[in-house]
């Protein structure tokens, strides 16, 4: 499910459709009403915003999973724990994270990282478009 995640000062802002997709992967069936589609759900990032870029210390280089990502040669680092597996693909030349592929209890997700070194403005959602998790859950249709 495509969507955006922003993080600032330890608070994550996840687009409503992406947040609903994560709930669906956990077996919670929800439908996002049209009026909430441009909203963002806030959650506390317990490990801070760096958690989106940090590779666990248990990560191990896995040459067999190296491959090109958007035409760039990438080296794989794998982190496994129980039924979870994360494969981080890092630009071989610039040592920047390009892609994260995760598997958790049969669910998969892919996170793409881009625009390193480029200046651009990120505008957090306006207050009217921000929902707490509880407010979001109370406004979605469950089936």
C-alpha atoms as a PDB file:
ATOM      1  CA  UNK A   1       0.000   0.000   0.000  1.00  0.00           C
ATOM      2  CA  UNK A   2       1.681   3.251  -1.068  1.00  0.00           C
ATOM      3  CA  UNK A   3       1.715   6.188   1.299  1.00  0.00           C
ATOM      4  CA  UNK A   4       3.863   8.594   3.228  1.00  0.00           C
ATOM      5  CA  UNK A   5       5.409   8.612   6.669  1.00  0.00           C
ATOM      6  CA  UNK A   6       6.903  11.702   8.226  1.00  0.00           C
ATOM      7  CA  UNK A   7       8.616  11.812  11.577  1.00  0.00           C
ATOM      8  CA  UNK A   8       9.515  14.826  13.683  1.00  0.00           C
ATOM      9  CA  UNK A   9      10.497  15.127  17.338  1.00  0.00           C
ATOM     10  CA  UNK A  10       9.614  11.492  18.013  1.00  0.00           C
ATOM     11  CA  UNK A  11       6.136  11.624  16.455  1.00  0.00           C
ATOM     12  CA  UNK A  12       5.326   9.672  13.283  1.00  0.00           C
ATOM     13  CA  UNK A  13       2.705  10.936  10.844  1.00  0.00           C
ATOM     14  CA  UNK A  14       1.413   8.093   8.652  1.00  0.00           C
ATOM     15  CA  UNK A  15      -0.994   8.663   5.755  1.00  0.00           C
ATOM     16  CA  UNK A  16      -4.441   7.247   6.532  1.00  0.00           C
ATOM     17  CA  UNK A  17      -4.444   4.713   3.688  1.00  0.00           C
ATOM     18  CA  UNK A  18      -0.991   3.409   4.636  1.00  0.00           C
ATOM     19  CA  UNK A  19      -2.010   3.171   8.303  1.00  0.00           C
ATOM     20  CA  UNK A  20      -5.193   1.279   7.331  1.00  0.00           C
ATOM     21  CA  UNK A  21      -3.118  -1.054   5.144  1.00  0.00           C
ATOM     22  CA  UNK A  22      -0.914  -1.889   8.142  1.00  0.00           C
ATOM     23  CA  UNK A  23      -4.035  -2.643  10.212  1.00  0.00           C
ATOM     24  CA  UNK A  24      -5.355  -4.903   7.437  1.00  0.00           C
ATOM     25  CA  UNK A  25      -2.089  -6.840   7.407  1.00  0.00           C
ATOM     26  CA  UNK A  26      -2.680  -7.500  11.099  1.00  0.00           C
ATOM     27  CA  UNK A  27      -6.168  -8.858  10.369  1.00  0.00           C
ATOM     28  CA  UNK A  28      -8.135  -5.730  11.325  1.00  0.00           C
ATOM     29  CA  UNK A  29     -10.385  -5.004   8.378  1.00  0.00           C
ATOM     30  CA  UNK A  30     -11.089  -1.289   7.992  1.00  0.00           C
ATOM     31  CA  UNK A  31     -12.333   1.029   5.259  1.00  0.00           C
ATOM     32  CA  UNK A  32     -11.106   4.613   5.194  1.00  0.00           C
ATOM     33  CA  UNK A  33     -13.895   7.100   4.421  1.00  0.00           C
ATOM     34  CA  UNK A  34     -13.174   9.499   1.549  1.00  0.00           C
ATOM     35  CA  UNK A  35     -13.004  12.493   3.906  1.00  0.00           C
ATOM     36  CA  UNK A  36     -10.102  10.874   5.825  1.00  0.00           C
ATOM     37  CA  UNK A  37      -8.029   9.857   2.809  1.00  0.00           C
ATOM     38  CA  UNK A  38      -5.833  12.970   2.987  1.00  0.00           C
ATOM     39  CA  UNK A  39      -5.390  12.676   6.768  1.00  0.00           C
ATOM     40  CA  UNK A  40      -2.411  11.449   8.784  1.00  0.00           C
ATOM     41  CA  UNK A  41      -2.437   9.277  11.895  1.00  0.00           C
ATOM     42  CA  UNK A  42       0.054  10.153  14.618  1.00  0.00           C
ATOM     43  CA  UNK A  43       1.902   7.666  16.775  1.00  0.00           C
ATOM     44  CA  UNK A  44       4.794   8.037  19.178  1.00  0.00           C
ATOM     45  CA  UNK A  45       8.054   6.749  17.689  1.00  0.00           C
ATOM     46  CA  UNK A  46       9.325   4.994  20.820  1.00  0.00           C
ATOM     47  CA  UNK A  47      12.867   4.760  19.440  1.00  0.00           C
ATOM     48  CA  UNK A  48      12.807   8.247  17.956  1.00  0.00           C
ATOM     49  CA  UNK A  49      12.756   9.199  14.295  1.00  0.00           C
ATOM     50  CA  UNK A  50      16.153   7.582  13.730  1.00  0.00           C
ATOM     51  CA  UNK A  51      14.417   4.187  13.867  1.00  0.00           C
ATOM     52  CA  UNK A  52      13.463   4.657  10.216  1.00  0.00           C
ATOM     53  CA  UNK A  53      17.134   4.675   9.198  1.00  0.00           C
ATOM     54  CA  UNK A  54      18.936   2.623  11.814  1.00  0.00           C
ATOM     55  CA  UNK A  55      20.041  -0.931  11.057  1.00  0.00           C
ATOM     56  CA  UNK A  56      20.080  -3.250  14.068  1.00  0.00           C
ATOM     57  CA  UNK A  57      23.514  -4.185  15.390  1.00  0.00           C
ATOM     58  CA  UNK A  58      22.660  -7.831  14.714  1.00  0.00           C
ATOM     59  CA  UNK A  59      22.633  -7.099  10.959  1.00  0.00           C
ATOM     60  CA  UNK A  60      24.930  -9.279   8.868  1.00  0.00           C
ATOM     61  CA  UNK A  61      26.269  -8.670   5.401  1.00  0.00           C
ATOM     62  CA  UNK A  62      24.589 -11.087   2.959  1.00  0.00           C
ATOM     63  CA  UNK A  63      26.307 -11.056  -0.430  1.00  0.00           C
ATOM     64  CA  UNK A  64      23.827 -13.513  -1.919  1.00  0.00           C
ATOM     65  CA  UNK A  65      21.094 -10.850  -1.718  1.00  0.00           C
ATOM     66  CA  UNK A  66      23.097  -8.038  -3.361  1.00  0.00           C
ATOM     67  CA  UNK A  67      21.424  -6.497  -6.404  1.00  0.00           C
ATOM     68  CA  UNK A  68      20.848  -3.280  -8.306  1.00  0.00           C
ATOM     69  CA  UNK A  69      18.301  -0.777  -7.009  1.00  0.00           C
ATOM     70  CA  UNK A  70      17.265   1.906  -9.504  1.00  0.00           C
ATOM     71  CA  UNK A  71      20.440   1.261 -11.462  1.00  0.00           C
ATOM     72  CA  UNK A  72      22.719   1.540  -8.414  1.00  0.00           C
ATOM     73  CA  UNK A  73      24.799  -1.366  -7.190  1.00  0.00           C
ATOM     74  CA  UNK A  74      23.536  -2.248  -3.701  1.00  0.00           C
ATOM     75  CA  UNK A  75      24.898  -4.424  -0.933  1.00  0.00           C
ATOM     76  CA  UNK A  76      22.527  -6.370   1.317  1.00  0.00           C
ATOM     77  CA  UNK A  77      22.514  -6.435   5.103  1.00  0.00           C
ATOM     78  CA  UNK A  78      20.109  -8.912   6.685  1.00  0.00           C
ATOM     79  CA  UNK A  79      18.555  -8.750  10.154  1.00  0.00           C
ATOM     80  CA  UNK A  80      16.584 -11.773  11.354  1.00  0.00           C
ATOM     81  CA  UNK A  81      14.749 -12.449  14.591  1.00  0.00           C
ATOM     82  CA  UNK A  82      12.273 -15.306  14.938  1.00  0.00           C
ATOM     83  CA  UNK A  83       9.798 -15.086  12.044  1.00  0.00           C
ATOM     84  CA  UNK A  84      10.978 -11.584  11.088  1.00  0.00           C
ATOM     85  CA  UNK A  85      13.477 -10.744   8.387  1.00  0.00           C
ATOM     86  CA  UNK A  86      14.662  -7.347   7.168  1.00  0.00           C
ATOM     87  CA  UNK A  87      16.922  -6.922   4.162  1.00  0.00           C
ATOM     88  CA  UNK A  88      18.520  -3.490   3.863  1.00  0.00           C
ATOM     89  CA  UNK A  89      19.981  -2.607   0.465  1.00  0.00           C
ATOM     90  CA  UNK A  90      22.719  -0.005   0.733  1.00  0.00           C
ATOM     91  CA  UNK A  91      24.280   1.912  -2.158  1.00  0.00           C
ATOM     92  CA  UNK A  92      27.718   0.347  -2.571  1.00  0.00           C
ATOM     93  CA  UNK A  93      29.451   3.598  -3.522  1.00  0.00           C
ATOM     94  CA  UNK A  94      27.702   6.191  -1.372  1.00  0.00           C
ATOM     95  CA  UNK A  95      26.849   3.973   1.614  1.00  0.00           C
ATOM     96  CA  UNK A  96      23.260   5.247   1.747  1.00  0.00           C
ATOM     97  CA  UNK A  97      20.178   3.216   2.487  1.00  0.00           C
ATOM     98  CA  UNK A  98      18.160   2.690  -0.698  1.00  0.00           C
ATOM     99  CA  UNK A  99      15.578   0.037   0.118  1.00  0.00           C
ATOM    100  CA  UNK A 100      14.233  -2.006   3.021  1.00  0.00           C
ATOM    101  CA  UNK A 101      12.297  -5.225   2.461  1.00  0.00           C
ATOM    102  CA  UNK A 102      10.620  -6.621   5.559  1.00  0.00           C
ATOM    103  CA  UNK A 103       8.788  -9.843   6.342  1.00  0.00           C
ATOM    104  CA  UNK A 104       6.825 -10.211   9.571  1.00  0.00           C
ATOM    105  CA  UNK A 105       4.696 -13.300  10.239  1.00  0.00           C
ATOM    106  CA  UNK A 106       3.933 -13.775   6.552  1.00  0.00           C
ATOM    107  CA  UNK A 107       3.364 -10.050   5.853  1.00  0.00           C
ATOM    108  CA  UNK A 108       5.735  -8.152   3.613  1.00  0.00           C
ATOM    109  CA  UNK A 109       6.513  -4.476   3.159  1.00  0.00           C
ATOM    110  CA  UNK A 110       8.946  -2.413   1.131  1.00  0.00           C
ATOM    111  CA  UNK A 111      10.293   1.010   2.053  1.00  0.00           C
ATOM    112  CA  UNK A 112      12.113   3.100  -0.549  1.00  0.00           C
ATOM    113  CA  UNK A 113      14.601   5.783   0.487  1.00  0.00           C
ATOM    114  CA  UNK A 114      15.575   8.533  -1.936  1.00  0.00           C
ATOM    115  CA  UNK A 115      16.632  12.164  -2.367  1.00  0.00           C
ATOM    116  CA  UNK A 116      19.798  11.884  -0.261  1.00  0.00           C
ATOM    117  CA  UNK A 117      21.779  15.089  -0.361  1.00  0.00           C
ATOM    118  CA  UNK A 118      19.034  16.977  -2.192  1.00  0.00           C
ATOM    119  CA  UNK A 119      17.452  19.970  -0.495  1.00  0.00           C
ATOM    120  CA  UNK A 120      13.694  20.024  -0.434  1.00  0.00           C
ATOM    121  CA  UNK A 121      11.013  21.268   1.891  1.00  0.00           C
ATOM    122  CA  UNK A 122       8.897  18.855   3.856  1.00  0.00           C
ATOM    123  CA  UNK A 123       5.703  20.282   5.245  1.00  0.00           C
ATOM    124  CA  UNK A 124       4.066  18.324   8.017  1.00  0.00           C
ATOM    125  CA  UNK A 125       0.303  17.907   7.739  1.00  0.00           C
ATOM    126  CA  UNK A 126      -1.829  20.780   9.014  1.00  0.00           C
ATOM    127  CA  UNK A 127      -3.562  20.264  12.369  1.00  0.00           C
ATOM    128  CA  UNK A 128      -6.961  19.687  10.704  1.00  0.00           C
ATOM    129  CA  UNK A 129      -5.514  16.677   8.860  1.00  0.00           C
ATOM    130  CA  UNK A 130      -3.936  15.007  11.906  1.00  0.00           C
ATOM    131  CA  UNK A 131      -5.702  12.254  13.856  1.00  0.00           C
ATOM    132  CA  UNK A 132      -4.671  10.300  16.904  1.00  0.00           C
ATOM    133  CA  UNK A 133      -4.833   6.542  16.564  1.00  0.00           C
ATOM    134  CA  UNK A 134      -8.000   6.431  18.699  1.00  0.00           C
ATOM    135  CA  UNK A 135      -9.687   9.160  16.642  1.00  0.00           C
ATOM    136  CA  UNK A 136      -8.798   7.341  13.421  1.00  0.00           C
ATOM    137  CA  UNK A 137     -10.141   4.019  14.709  1.00  0.00           C
ATOM    138  CA  UNK A 138     -13.411   5.638  15.771  1.00  0.00           C
ATOM    139  CA  UNK A 139     -13.961   7.119  12.294  1.00  0.00           C
ATOM    140  CA  UNK A 140     -13.130   4.179  10.015  1.00  0.00           C
ATOM    141  CA  UNK A 141     -15.627   1.569   8.929  1.00  0.00           C
ATOM    142  CA  UNK A 142     -14.856  -1.848  10.322  1.00  0.00           C
ATOM    143  CA  UNK A 143     -16.100  -4.972   8.569  1.00  0.00           C
END
